[in-house]
Amino acid sequence: MTDFVVLTGFLGSGKTTLLRNYLTGTEAADTGVIVNEAGEIGLDGVLLREGGGDTPMTMLANGCICCTAGSDLAFTIDRLLDTRPLKRIVLETSGLAKPGPVLRQLSGLAERRLRVSVLATFDATRGAAIAEFEEAAAQWAAAHRIVVTKADLVSADAVARAREEAASLNPLAEIVQGVAAAFAPLASAAPMPEMPSIGEGHPRIAVCLARPTAVLTYDDLAAWLDNLAGALGERLLRLKGLVRVKESERPLLVQSVGTMFSPPRPFASQAPLFLVIIARDLQGEELEAMAPAGLFAFSSSVREAYALPKRLVAH
């Protein structure tokens, strides 16, 4: 099985430097690279080729794949895998790409059995300030792993704060530093975390814990998730959790990146039953108003964070 790593992160956050450093090491053997940049110059690809040795590398010349319906991403992946066996492929996205639409384009490659993960960079020199940009918020929320970059440019205290900020924005992600940790293999079946600690996050990004109030029917759960995606739209950044339904002996693992939901599947785990919802600009009682009503009880701390005055939200 080939690992497919979507390397994402906002403009100037250190994606190319991280990948270039990785490609110079022996652990990068049998790695293919796809570089996608908005524009026609492709400077990142030039920089990577300089230090990438014989790494098979290809450029997507059609601009930002997150907003190009006819992208040749799937064709490019097929071509790389047909060239020679690869342990992993790294797609370095544009700094303005949202991971959800990128992942949606992989749906036609089911027969390749790719093990897909999202790796996002978190610039320690800027911290969570750039969460004001929708793209940055979506990148962090979608990540399975967040790597703190530019740690050598700030103090140890600043690095610690950066790690805390990253964890508060996405408690589902593993927070790491360094090249080796960034590209280390993920567990084949990423477990649900224990009840996550949700602290004070960014004023525009809500991390909400939703606990089922009872055993649900599958139809009620599906209707609620469909209404959630419809109501929040692009403001829904990530959802993951376990829910018990009457039709299954085991709890269902439910997850999405943006509004792209993976099919719920039975999950062999005794972990607590809850959903973690990461959303942008969540208003008041939106979640409580979602039909069918009363399926979940929501953490109050998130709603309190969104009672902040507008002058604080728009900083």
C-alpha atoms as a PDB file:
ATOM      1  CA  MET A   1       0.000   0.000   0.000  1.00  0.00           C
ATOM      2  CA  THR A   2       1.309   3.429  -0.971  1.00  0.00           C
ATOM      3  CA  ASP A   3       1.189   6.311   1.486  1.00  0.00           C
ATOM      4  CA  PHE A   4      -0.202   9.486  -0.081  1.00  0.00           C
ATOM      5  CA  VAL A   5       0.699  12.590   1.930  1.00  0.00           C
ATOM      6  CA  VAL A   6      -1.056  15.861   1.175  1.00  0.00           C
ATOM      7  CA  LEU A   7       1.468  18.440   2.363  1.00  0.00           C
ATOM      8  CA  THR A   8      -0.442  21.639   2.937  1.00  0.00           C
ATOM      9  CA  GLY A   9       0.107  24.921   4.706  1.00  0.00           C
ATOM     10  CA  PHE A  10      -0.407  28.612   4.177  1.00  0.00           C
ATOM     11  CA  LEU A  11       1.789  30.800   1.991  1.00  0.00           C
ATOM     12  CA  GLY A  12       5.306  31.119   3.373  1.00  0.00           C
ATOM     13  CA  SER A  13       4.826  28.595   6.176  1.00  0.00           C
ATOM     14  CA  GLY A  14       7.798  26.430   5.208  1.00  0.00           C
ATOM     15  CA  LYS A  15       6.260  23.593   3.162  1.00  0.00           C
ATOM     16  CA  THR A  16       8.924  23.530   0.455  1.00  0.00           C
ATOM     17  CA  THR A  17      11.809  23.769   2.921  1.00  0.00           C
ATOM     18  CA  LEU A  18      10.340  20.920   4.976  1.00  0.00           C
ATOM     19  CA  LEU A  19       9.908  18.709   1.929  1.00  0.00           C
ATOM     20  CA  ARG A  20      13.312  19.566   0.512  1.00  0.00           C
ATOM     21  CA  ASN A  21      14.994  18.633   3.799  1.00  0.00           C
ATOM     22  CA  TYR A  22      13.085  15.366   3.855  1.00  0.00           C
ATOM     23  CA  LEU A  23      14.112  14.459   0.304  1.00  0.00           C
ATOM     24  CA  THR A  24      17.814  14.789   1.154  1.00  0.00           C
ATOM     25  CA  GLY A  25      17.583  11.933   3.691  1.00  0.00           C
ATOM     26  CA  THR A  26      17.781   8.196   3.107  1.00  0.00           C
ATOM     27  CA  GLU A  27      14.306   7.696   4.554  1.00  0.00           C
ATOM     28  CA  ALA A  28      12.889   9.410   1.459  1.00  0.00           C
ATOM     29  CA  ALA A  29      13.869   6.501  -0.796  1.00  0.00           C
ATOM     30  CA  ASP A  30      11.008   5.336  -3.039  1.00  0.00           C
ATOM     31  CA  THR A  31       9.179   8.639  -2.646  1.00  0.00           C
ATOM     32  CA  GLY A  32       7.437  10.416  -5.510  1.00  0.00           C
ATOM     33  CA  VAL A  33       6.599  14.113  -5.419  1.00  0.00           C
ATOM     34  CA  ILE A  34       3.833  16.119  -7.057  1.00  0.00           C
ATOM     35  CA  VAL A  35       4.108  19.898  -6.843  1.00  0.00           C
ATOM     36  CA  ASN A  36       1.131  22.131  -7.471  1.00  0.00           C
ATOM     37  CA  GLU A  37       1.443  25.893  -7.526  1.00  0.00           C
ATOM     38  CA  ALA A  38      -0.858  28.682  -8.567  1.00  0.00           C
ATOM     39  CA  GLY A  39       0.766  30.272 -11.565  1.00  0.00           C
ATOM     40  CA  GLU A  40       3.052  29.093 -14.341  1.00  0.00           C
ATOM     41  CA  ILE A  41       6.578  29.583 -12.986  1.00  0.00           C
ATOM     42  CA  GLY A  42       6.770  26.571 -10.675  1.00  0.00           C
ATOM     43  CA  LEU A  43       9.594  27.842  -8.477  1.00  0.00           C
ATOM     44  CA  ASP A  44       8.916  25.297  -5.724  1.00  0.00           C
ATOM     45  CA  GLY A  45       9.482  22.495  -8.192  1.00  0.00           C
ATOM     46  CA  VAL A  46      12.829  23.988  -9.195  1.00  0.00           C
ATOM     47  CA  LEU A  47      13.926  24.236  -5.565  1.00  0.00           C
ATOM     48  CA  LEU A  48      12.912  20.656  -4.850  1.00  0.00           C
ATOM     49  CA  ARG A  49      14.676  19.253  -7.919  1.00  0.00           C
ATOM     50  CA  GLU A  50      17.889  20.905  -6.745  1.00  0.00           C
ATOM     51  CA  GLY A  51      18.050  18.674  -3.680  1.00  0.00           C
ATOM     52  CA  GLY A  52      15.769  15.777  -4.536  1.00  0.00           C
ATOM     53  CA  GLY A  53      18.289  13.489  -6.255  1.00  0.00           C
ATOM     54  CA  ASP A  54      16.527  10.975  -8.486  1.00  0.00           C
ATOM     55  CA  THR A  55      13.140  11.474  -6.829  1.00  0.00           C
ATOM     56  CA  PRO A  56      10.429  11.085  -9.474  1.00  0.00           C
ATOM     57  CA  MET A  57       8.789  14.485  -9.583  1.00  0.00           C
ATOM     58  CA  THR A  58       6.040  16.017 -11.636  1.00  0.00           C
ATOM     59  CA  MET A  59       4.392  19.420 -11.812  1.00  0.00           C
ATOM     60  CA  LEU A  60       0.702  20.164 -12.105  1.00  0.00           C
ATOM     61  CA  ALA A  61       0.610  23.112 -14.445  1.00  0.00           C
ATOM     62  CA  ASN A  62      -3.090  23.855 -14.207  1.00  0.00           C
ATOM     63  CA  GLY A  63      -2.948  26.200 -11.263  1.00  0.00           C
ATOM     64  CA  CYS A  64      -4.517  25.557  -7.895  1.00  0.00           C
ATOM     65  CA  ILE A  65      -6.112  22.096  -7.925  1.00  0.00           C
ATOM     66  CA  CYS A  66      -8.532  23.049  -5.171  1.00  0.00           C
ATOM     67  CA  CYS A  67     -10.488  25.168  -7.631  1.00  0.00           C
ATOM     68  CA  THR A  68      -9.869  23.369 -10.929  1.00  0.00           C
ATOM     69  CA  ALA A  69     -12.604  20.882 -11.704  1.00  0.00           C
ATOM     70  CA  GLY A  70     -10.724  19.213 -14.556  1.00  0.00           C
ATOM     71  CA  SER A  71      -7.490  18.618 -12.675  1.00  0.00           C
ATOM     72  CA  ASP A  72      -5.079  15.967 -13.916  1.00  0.00           C
ATOM     73  CA  LEU A  73      -4.140  14.957 -10.365  1.00  0.00           C
ATOM     74  CA  ALA A  74      -5.538  11.421 -10.641  1.00  0.00           C
ATOM     75  CA  PHE A  75      -3.785  10.913 -13.987  1.00  0.00           C
ATOM     76  CA  THR A  76      -0.514  12.174 -12.511  1.00  0.00           C
ATOM     77  CA  ILE A  77      -0.746   9.751  -9.573  1.00  0.00           C
ATOM     78  CA  ASP A  78      -1.440   6.858 -11.939  1.00  0.00           C
ATOM     79  CA  ARG A  79       1.555   7.818 -14.048  1.00  0.00           C
ATOM     80  CA  LEU A  80       3.884   7.993 -11.032  1.00  0.00           C
ATOM     81  CA  LEU A  81       2.761   4.608  -9.716  1.00  0.00           C
ATOM     82  CA  ASP A  82       3.107   3.021 -13.141  1.00  0.00           C
ATOM     83  CA  THR A  83       6.665   4.346 -13.466  1.00  0.00           C
ATOM     84  CA  ARG A  84       8.037   2.336 -10.539  1.00  0.00           C
ATOM     85  CA  PRO A  85       6.889   1.009  -7.153  1.00  0.00           C
ATOM     86  CA  LEU A  86       6.686   3.797  -4.592  1.00  0.00           C
ATOM     87  CA  LYS A  87       6.326   3.639  -0.820  1.00  0.00           C
ATOM     88  CA  ARG A  88       4.874   7.111  -0.696  1.00  0.00           C
ATOM     89  CA  ILE A  89       3.810  10.057  -2.811  1.00  0.00           C
ATOM     90  CA  VAL A  90       3.899  13.593  -1.418  1.00  0.00           C
ATOM     91  CA  LEU A  91       1.631  16.204  -2.968  1.00  0.00           C
ATOM     92  CA  GLU A  92       2.783  19.702  -2.072  1.00  0.00           C
ATOM     93  CA  THR A  93      -0.263  21.887  -2.570  1.00  0.00           C
ATOM     94  CA  SER A  94      -0.498  25.565  -3.262  1.00  0.00           C
ATOM     95  CA  GLY A  95      -0.486  27.702  -0.134  1.00  0.00           C
ATOM     96  CA  LEU A  96      -4.057  28.706  -0.974  1.00  0.00           C
ATOM     97  CA  ALA A  97      -5.416  25.175  -1.417  1.00  0.00           C
ATOM     98  CA  LYS A  98      -8.086  23.737   0.860  1.00  0.00           C
ATOM     99  CA  PRO A  99      -7.528  20.014   1.499  1.00  0.00           C
ATOM    100  CA  GLY A 100     -11.172  18.938   1.143  1.00  0.00           C
ATOM    101  CA  PRO A 101     -11.470  19.499  -2.624  1.00  0.00           C
ATOM    102  CA  VAL A 102      -8.004  17.993  -3.111  1.00  0.00           C
ATOM    103  CA  LEU A 103      -9.006  14.795  -1.306  1.00  0.00           C
ATOM    104  CA  ARG A 104     -12.242  14.628  -3.283  1.00  0.00           C
ATOM    105  CA  GLN A 105     -10.206  14.206  -6.464  1.00  0.00           C
ATOM    106  CA  LEU A 106      -8.674  10.997  -5.085  1.00  0.00           C
ATOM    107  CA  SER A 107     -12.018   9.184  -5.014  1.00  0.00           C
ATOM    108  CA  GLY A 108     -11.427   7.744  -8.486  1.00  0.00           C
ATOM    109  CA  LEU A 109      -8.266   5.959  -7.345  1.00  0.00           C
ATOM    110  CA  ALA A 110      -9.895   3.471  -4.977  1.00  0.00           C
ATOM    111  CA  GLU A 111      -8.262   0.503  -6.715  1.00  0.00           C
ATOM    112  CA  ARG A 112      -4.836   1.930  -5.903  1.00  0.00           C
ATOM    113  CA  ARG A 113      -5.586   1.522  -2.163  1.00  0.00           C
ATOM    114  CA  LEU A 114      -3.733   4.680  -1.201  1.00  0.00           C
ATOM    115  CA  ARG A 115      -3.284   5.367   2.521  1.00  0.00           C
ATOM    116  CA  VAL A 116      -4.100   9.088   2.543  1.00  0.00           C
ATOM    117  CA  SER A 117      -3.056  11.569   5.214  1.00  0.00           C
ATOM    118  CA  VAL A 118      -2.871  15.352   5.503  1.00  0.00           C
ATOM    119  CA  LEU A 119       0.261  17.036   6.894  1.00  0.00           C
ATOM    120  CA  ALA A 120      -0.077  20.758   7.620  1.00  0.00           C
ATOM    121  CA  THR A 121       2.633  23.257   8.493  1.00  0.00           C
ATOM    122  CA  PHE A 122       2.214  25.688  11.390  1.00  0.00           C
ATOM    123  CA  ASP A 123       4.589  28.651  11.213  1.00  0.00           C
ATOM    124  CA  ALA A 124       5.901  29.329  14.734  1.00  0.00           C
ATOM    125  CA  THR A 125       6.793  32.907  13.779  1.00  0.00           C
ATOM    126  CA  ARG A 126       3.175  33.764  12.933  1.00  0.00           C
ATOM    127  CA  GLY A 127       1.199  31.346  15.072  1.00  0.00           C
ATOM    128  CA  ALA A 128      -2.576  31.226  14.822  1.00  0.00           C
ATOM    129  CA  ALA A 129      -2.879  34.816  13.561  1.00  0.00           C
ATOM    130  CA  ILE A 130      -3.292  33.626   9.970  1.00  0.00           C
ATOM    131  CA  ALA A 131      -6.381  31.610  10.939  1.00  0.00           C
ATOM    132  CA  GLU A 132      -8.193  34.746   9.761  1.00  0.00           C
ATOM    133  CA  PHE A 133      -7.583  33.329   6.282  1.00  0.00           C
ATOM    134  CA  GLU A 134     -10.133  30.651   5.450  1.00  0.00           C
ATOM    135  CA  GLU A 135      -7.523  28.563   3.650  1.00  0.00           C
ATOM    136  CA  ALA A 136      -5.197  28.387   6.660  1.00  0.00           C
ATOM    137  CA  ALA A 137      -8.025  27.382   8.978  1.00  0.00           C
ATOM    138  CA  ALA A 138      -9.152  24.662   6.571  1.00  0.00           C
ATOM    139  CA  GLN A 139      -5.604  23.325   6.222  1.00  0.00           C
ATOM    140  CA  TRP A 140      -5.041  22.963   9.969  1.00  0.00           C
ATOM    141  CA  ALA A 141      -8.484  21.522  10.610  1.00  0.00           C
ATOM    142  CA  ALA A 142      -8.056  18.835   7.939  1.00  0.00           C
ATOM    143  CA  ALA A 143      -4.656  17.690   9.193  1.00  0.00           C
ATOM    144  CA  HIS A 144      -3.935  14.314  10.685  1.00  0.00           C
ATOM    145  CA  ARG A 145      -0.579  15.741  11.735  1.00  0.00           C
ATOM    146  CA  ILE A 146       0.554  19.365  12.204  1.00  0.00           C
ATOM    147  CA  VAL A 147       4.273  20.125  12.100  1.00  0.00           C
ATOM    148  CA  VAL A 148       5.555  23.290  13.768  1.00  0.00           C
ATOM    149  CA  THR A 149       7.978  24.972  11.367  1.00  0.00           C
ATOM    150  CA  LYS A 150      10.593  27.731  11.809  1.00  0.00           C
ATOM    151  CA  ALA A 151      11.130  26.683  15.415  1.00  0.00           C
ATOM    152  CA  ASP A 152      14.769  27.738  15.119  1.00  0.00           C
ATOM    153  CA  LEU A 153      13.690  31.355  14.600  1.00  0.00           C
ATOM    154  CA  VAL A 154      11.804  31.778  17.872  1.00  0.00           C
ATOM    155  CA  SER A 155      12.305  31.083  21.563  1.00  0.00           C
ATOM    156  CA  ALA A 156      11.476  27.792  23.252  1.00  0.00           C
ATOM    157  CA  ASP A 157       8.506  29.494  24.918  1.00  0.00           C
ATOM    158  CA  ALA A 158       7.208  30.627  21.532  1.00  0.00           C
ATOM    159  CA  VAL A 159       7.520  27.085  20.178  1.00  0.00           C
ATOM    160  CA  ALA A 160       5.562  25.771  23.159  1.00  0.00           C
ATOM    161  CA  ARG A 161       2.857  28.373  22.535  1.00  0.00           C
ATOM    162  CA  ALA A 162       2.734  27.414  18.852  1.00  0.00           C
ATOM    163  CA  ARG A 163       2.204  23.771  19.761  1.00  0.00           C
ATOM    164  CA  GLU A 164      -0.582  24.726  22.170  1.00  0.00           C
ATOM    165  CA  GLU A 165      -2.243  26.938  19.566  1.00  0.00           C
ATOM    166  CA  ALA A 166      -2.098  24.180  16.953  1.00  0.00           C
ATOM    167  CA  ALA A 167      -3.599  21.670  19.375  1.00  0.00           C
ATOM    168  CA  SER A 168      -6.399  24.060  20.322  1.00  0.00           C
ATOM    169  CA  LEU A 169      -7.294  24.562  16.652  1.00  0.00           C
ATOM    170  CA  ASN A 170      -7.346  20.829  15.917  1.00  0.00           C
ATOM    171  CA  PRO A 171      -7.350  18.495  18.924  1.00  0.00           C
ATOM    172  CA  LEU A 172      -7.614  15.534  16.521  1.00  0.00           C
ATOM    173  CA  ALA A 173      -4.180  16.169  15.023  1.00  0.00           C
ATOM    174  CA  GLU A 174      -0.781  14.960  16.204  1.00  0.00           C
ATOM    175  CA  ILE A 175       1.469  17.976  16.859  1.00  0.00           C
ATOM    176  CA  VAL A 176       5.128  17.386  15.967  1.00  0.00           C
ATOM    177  CA  GLN A 177       8.413  19.124  15.186  1.00  0.00           C
ATOM    178  CA  GLY A 178      11.203  18.154  12.825  1.00  0.00           C
ATOM    179  CA  VAL A 179      11.438  16.458   9.455  1.00  0.00           C
ATOM    180  CA  ALA A 180      11.580  12.871  10.716  1.00  0.00           C
ATOM    181  CA  ALA A 181       8.474  13.244  12.876  1.00  0.00           C
ATOM    182  CA  ALA A 182       6.609  15.090  10.138  1.00  0.00           C
ATOM    183  CA  PHE A 183       6.945  12.282   7.597  1.00  0.00           C
ATOM    184  CA  ALA A 184       6.882   9.294   9.953  1.00  0.00           C
ATOM    185  CA  PRO A 185       4.199   6.750   8.980  1.00  0.00           C
ATOM    186  CA  LEU A 186       0.823   7.231  10.589  1.00  0.00           C
ATOM    187  CA  ALA A 187      -0.853   4.322  12.343  1.00  0.00           C
ATOM    188  CA  SER A 188      -2.703   2.228   9.777  1.00  0.00           C
ATOM    189  CA  ALA A 189      -5.960   2.720  11.659  1.00  0.00           C
ATOM    190  CA  ALA A 190      -5.781   6.044  13.448  1.00  0.00           C
ATOM    191  CA  PRO A 191      -7.588   5.585  16.769  1.00  0.00           C
ATOM    192  CA  MET A 192     -10.075   7.999  18.161  1.00  0.00           C
ATOM    193  CA  PRO A 193      -8.508  10.145  20.867  1.00  0.00           C
ATOM    194  CA  GLU A 194      -9.698   9.999  24.411  1.00  0.00           C
ATOM    195  CA  MET A 195     -11.963  12.871  25.349  1.00  0.00           C
ATOM    196  CA  PRO A 196     -10.004  15.776  23.846  1.00  0.00           C
ATOM    197  CA  SER A 197      -9.014  18.790  25.869  1.00  0.00           C
ATOM    198  CA  ILE A 198     -10.620  21.842  24.287  1.00  0.00           C
ATOM    199  CA  GLY A 199      -9.067  25.071  25.445  1.00  0.00           C
ATOM    200  CA  GLU A 200      -9.302  28.634  24.268  1.00  0.00           C
ATOM    201  CA  GLY A 201      -8.769  28.561  20.530  1.00  0.00           C
ATOM    202  CA  HIS A 202      -8.910  31.183  17.837  1.00  0.00           C
ATOM    203  CA  PRO A 203     -11.962  33.469  18.074  1.00  0.00           C
ATOM    204  CA  ARG A 204     -13.086  32.521  14.558  1.00  0.00           C
ATOM    205  CA  ILE A 205     -12.577  28.757  14.845  1.00  0.00           C
ATOM    206  CA  ALA A 206     -14.842  26.697  17.083  1.00  0.00           C
ATOM    207  CA  VAL A 207     -13.887  23.258  18.328  1.00  0.00           C
ATOM    208  CA  CYS A 208     -17.065  21.705  19.663  1.00  0.00           C
ATOM    209  CA  LEU A 209     -17.604  18.428  21.481  1.00  0.00           C
ATOM    210  CA  ALA A 210     -20.965  16.796  20.689  1.00  0.00           C
ATOM    211  CA  ARG A 211     -22.095  13.848  22.805  1.00  0.00           C
ATOM    212  CA  PRO A 212     -24.984  11.647  21.623  1.00  0.00           C
ATOM    213  CA  THR A 213     -27.938  11.827  23.994  1.00  0.00           C
ATOM    214  CA  ALA A 214     -29.040   8.254  23.169  1.00  0.00           C
ATOM    215  CA  VAL A 215     -28.493   5.426  20.701  1.00  0.00           C
ATOM    216  CA  LEU A 216     -29.476   6.920  17.350  1.00  0.00           C
ATOM    217  CA  THR A 217     -31.048   5.457  14.266  1.00  0.00           C
ATOM    218  CA  TYR A 218     -28.857   5.493  11.190  1.00  0.00           C
ATOM    219  CA  ASP A 219     -31.407   7.594   9.293  1.00  0.00           C
ATOM    220  CA  ASP A 220     -31.485  10.241  12.033  1.00  0.00           C
ATOM    221  CA  LEU A 221     -27.691  10.389  12.118  1.00  0.00           C
ATOM    222  CA  ALA A 222     -27.447  10.653   8.314  1.00  0.00           C
ATOM    223  CA  ALA A 223     -30.100  13.388   8.233  1.00  0.00           C
ATOM    224  CA  TRP A 224     -28.335  15.370  10.970  1.00  0.00           C
ATOM    225  CA  LEU A 225     -24.964  15.147   9.213  1.00  0.00           C
ATOM    226  CA  ASP A 226     -26.532  16.139   5.902  1.00  0.00           C
ATOM    227  CA  ASN A 227     -28.212  19.146   7.514  1.00  0.00           C
ATOM    228  CA  LEU A 228     -24.959  20.086   9.267  1.00  0.00           C
ATOM    229  CA  ALA A 229     -23.054  20.089   5.980  1.00  0.00           C
ATOM    230  CA  GLY A 230     -25.816  22.021   4.248  1.00  0.00           C
ATOM    231  CA  ALA A 231     -26.138  24.647   6.963  1.00  0.00           C
ATOM    232  CA  LEU A 232     -22.435  25.282   7.552  1.00  0.00           C
ATOM    233  CA  GLY A 233     -21.139  24.718   4.024  1.00  0.00           C
ATOM    234  CA  GLU A 234     -17.520  25.838   3.728  1.00  0.00           C
ATOM    235  CA  ARG A 235     -17.517  26.844   7.385  1.00  0.00           C
ATOM    236  CA  LEU A 236     -17.445  23.148   8.318  1.00  0.00           C
ATOM    237  CA  LEU A 237     -13.748  22.344   8.454  1.00  0.00           C
ATOM    238  CA  ARG A 238     -13.522  18.907  10.073  1.00  0.00           C
ATOM    239  CA  LEU A 239     -15.649  16.347  11.880  1.00  0.00           C
ATOM    240  CA  LYS A 240     -14.647  13.079  13.467  1.00  0.00           C
ATOM    241  CA  GLY A 241     -16.091  10.814  16.092  1.00  0.00           C
ATOM    242  CA  LEU A 242     -17.821   7.633  17.188  1.00  0.00           C
ATOM    243  CA  VAL A 243     -21.588   7.279  17.352  1.00  0.00           C
ATOM    244  CA  ARG A 244     -23.654   4.230  18.247  1.00  0.00           C
ATOM    245  CA  VAL A 245     -26.639   3.448  16.008  1.00  0.00           C
ATOM    246  CA  LYS A 246     -29.362   0.849  16.503  1.00  0.00           C
ATOM    247  CA  GLU A 247     -28.522  -0.904  13.240  1.00  0.00           C
ATOM    248  CA  SER A 248     -24.920  -1.742  14.208  1.00  0.00           C
ATOM    249  CA  GLU A 249     -23.460  -3.769  17.080  1.00  0.00           C
ATOM    250  CA  ARG A 250     -20.313  -1.644  16.971  1.00  0.00           C
ATOM    251  CA  PRO A 251     -20.083   2.156  17.027  1.00  0.00           C
ATOM    252  CA  LEU A 252     -19.678   3.923  13.699  1.00  0.00           C
ATOM    253  CA  LEU A 253     -16.650   6.018  12.881  1.00  0.00           C
ATOM    254  CA  VAL A 254     -17.904   9.215  11.242  1.00  0.00           C
ATOM    255  CA  GLN A 255     -15.495  11.727   9.727  1.00  0.00           C
ATOM    256  CA  SER A 256     -15.260  14.474   7.163  1.00  0.00           C
ATOM    257  CA  VAL A 257     -12.806  16.963   5.764  1.00  0.00           C
ATOM    258  CA  GLY A 258     -14.864  19.989   4.941  1.00  0.00           C
ATOM    259  CA  THR A 259     -18.202  18.724   3.658  1.00  0.00           C
ATOM    260  CA  MET A 260     -16.658  15.594   2.142  1.00  0.00           C
ATOM    261  CA  PHE A 261     -17.760  12.712   4.376  1.00  0.00           C
ATOM    262  CA  SER A 262     -16.186   9.291   4.365  1.00  0.00           C
ATOM    263  CA  PRO A 263     -18.701   6.427   4.485  1.00  0.00           C
ATOM    264  CA  PRO A 264     -19.419   5.641   8.163  1.00  0.00           C
ATOM    265  CA  ARG A 265     -17.898   2.308   9.140  1.00  0.00           C
ATOM    266  CA  PRO A 266     -18.066   0.041  12.185  1.00  0.00           C
ATOM    267  CA  PHE A 267     -15.151   0.684  14.510  1.00  0.00           C
ATOM    268  CA  ALA A 268     -13.735  -1.854  16.956  1.00  0.00           C
ATOM    269  CA  SER A 269     -13.048   0.438  19.867  1.00  0.00           C
ATOM    270  CA  GLN A 270     -14.229   1.055  23.389  1.00  0.00           C
ATOM    271  CA  ALA A 271     -13.436   4.781  23.087  1.00  0.00           C
ATOM    272  CA  PRO A 272     -16.022   7.278  24.363  1.00  0.00           C
ATOM    273  CA  LEU A 273     -18.851   8.184  22.028  1.00  0.00           C
ATOM    274  CA  PHE A 274     -18.591  11.787  20.829  1.00  0.00           C
ATOM    275  CA  LEU A 275     -18.082  13.940  17.752  1.00  0.00           C
ATOM    276  CA  VAL A 276     -15.462  16.649  17.473  1.00  0.00           C
ATOM    277  CA  ILE A 277     -16.695  19.402  15.177  1.00  0.00           C
ATOM    278  CA  ILE A 278     -14.294  22.076  13.930  1.00  0.00           C
ATOM    279  CA  ALA A 279     -16.026  24.978  12.221  1.00  0.00           C
ATOM    280  CA  ARG A 280     -15.393  28.595  11.345  1.00  0.00           C
ATOM    281  CA  ASP A 281     -17.586  31.509  12.439  1.00  0.00           C
ATOM    282  CA  LEU A 282     -20.116  29.329  14.219  1.00  0.00           C
ATOM    283  CA  GLN A 283     -23.086  31.457  15.242  1.00  0.00           C
ATOM    284  CA  GLY A 284     -24.920  31.142  18.541  1.00  0.00           C
ATOM    285  CA  GLU A 285     -27.123  28.057  18.754  1.00  0.00           C
ATOM    286  CA  GLU A 286     -26.642  26.789  15.179  1.00  0.00           C
ATOM    287  CA  LEU A 287     -25.762  23.270  16.243  1.00  0.00           C
ATOM    288  CA  GLU A 288     -28.631  22.971  18.713  1.00  0.00           C
ATOM    289  CA  ALA A 289     -31.047  24.096  16.000  1.00  0.00           C
ATOM    290  CA  MET A 290     -29.935  21.356  13.606  1.00  0.00           C
ATOM    291  CA  ALA A 291     -32.668  18.848  12.751  1.00  0.00           C
ATOM    292  CA  PRO A 292     -33.420  16.218  13.910  1.00  0.00           C
ATOM    293  CA  ALA A 293     -33.212  18.107  17.189  1.00  0.00           C
ATOM    294  CA  GLY A 294     -31.983  16.715  20.461  1.00  0.00           C
ATOM    295  CA  LEU A 295     -29.588  14.062  19.116  1.00  0.00           C
ATOM    296  CA  PHE A 296     -26.500  15.601  20.709  1.00  0.00           C
ATOM    297  CA  ALA A 297     -25.522  17.613  23.760  1.00  0.00           C
ATOM    298  CA  PHE A 298     -22.879  20.232  22.980  1.00  0.00           C
ATOM    299  CA  SER A 299     -19.981  21.597  24.967  1.00  0.00           C
ATOM    300  CA  SER A 300     -20.870  25.026  26.379  1.00  0.00           C
ATOM    301  CA  SER A 301     -17.311  26.402  26.262  1.00  0.00           C
ATOM    302  CA  VAL A 302     -17.429  26.781  22.492  1.00  0.00           C
ATOM    303  CA  ARG A 303     -20.597  28.857  22.539  1.00  0.00           C
ATOM    304  CA  GLU A 304     -19.111  31.080  25.230  1.00  0.00           C
ATOM    305  CA  ALA A 305     -16.079  31.706  23.015  1.00  0.00           C
ATOM    306  CA  TYR A 306     -18.394  32.869  20.258  1.00  0.00           C
ATOM    307  CA  ALA A 307     -20.064  35.398  22.516  1.00  0.00           C
ATOM    308  CA  LEU A 308     -16.959  37.559  22.044  1.00  0.00           C
ATOM    309  CA  PRO A 309     -17.651  41.067  20.767  1.00  0.00           C
ATOM    310  CA  LYS A 310     -17.251  41.472  17.005  1.00  0.00           C
ATOM    311  CA  ARG A 311     -14.378  43.901  17.518  1.00  0.00           C
ATOM    312  CA  LEU A 312     -12.393  41.006  19.047  1.00  0.00           C
ATOM    313  CA  VAL A 313     -13.319  38.575  16.301  1.00  0.00           C
ATOM    314  CA  ALA A 314     -12.127  40.878  13.530  1.00  0.00           C
ATOM    315  CA  HIS A 315      -8.641  41.490  14.895  1.00  0.00           C
END
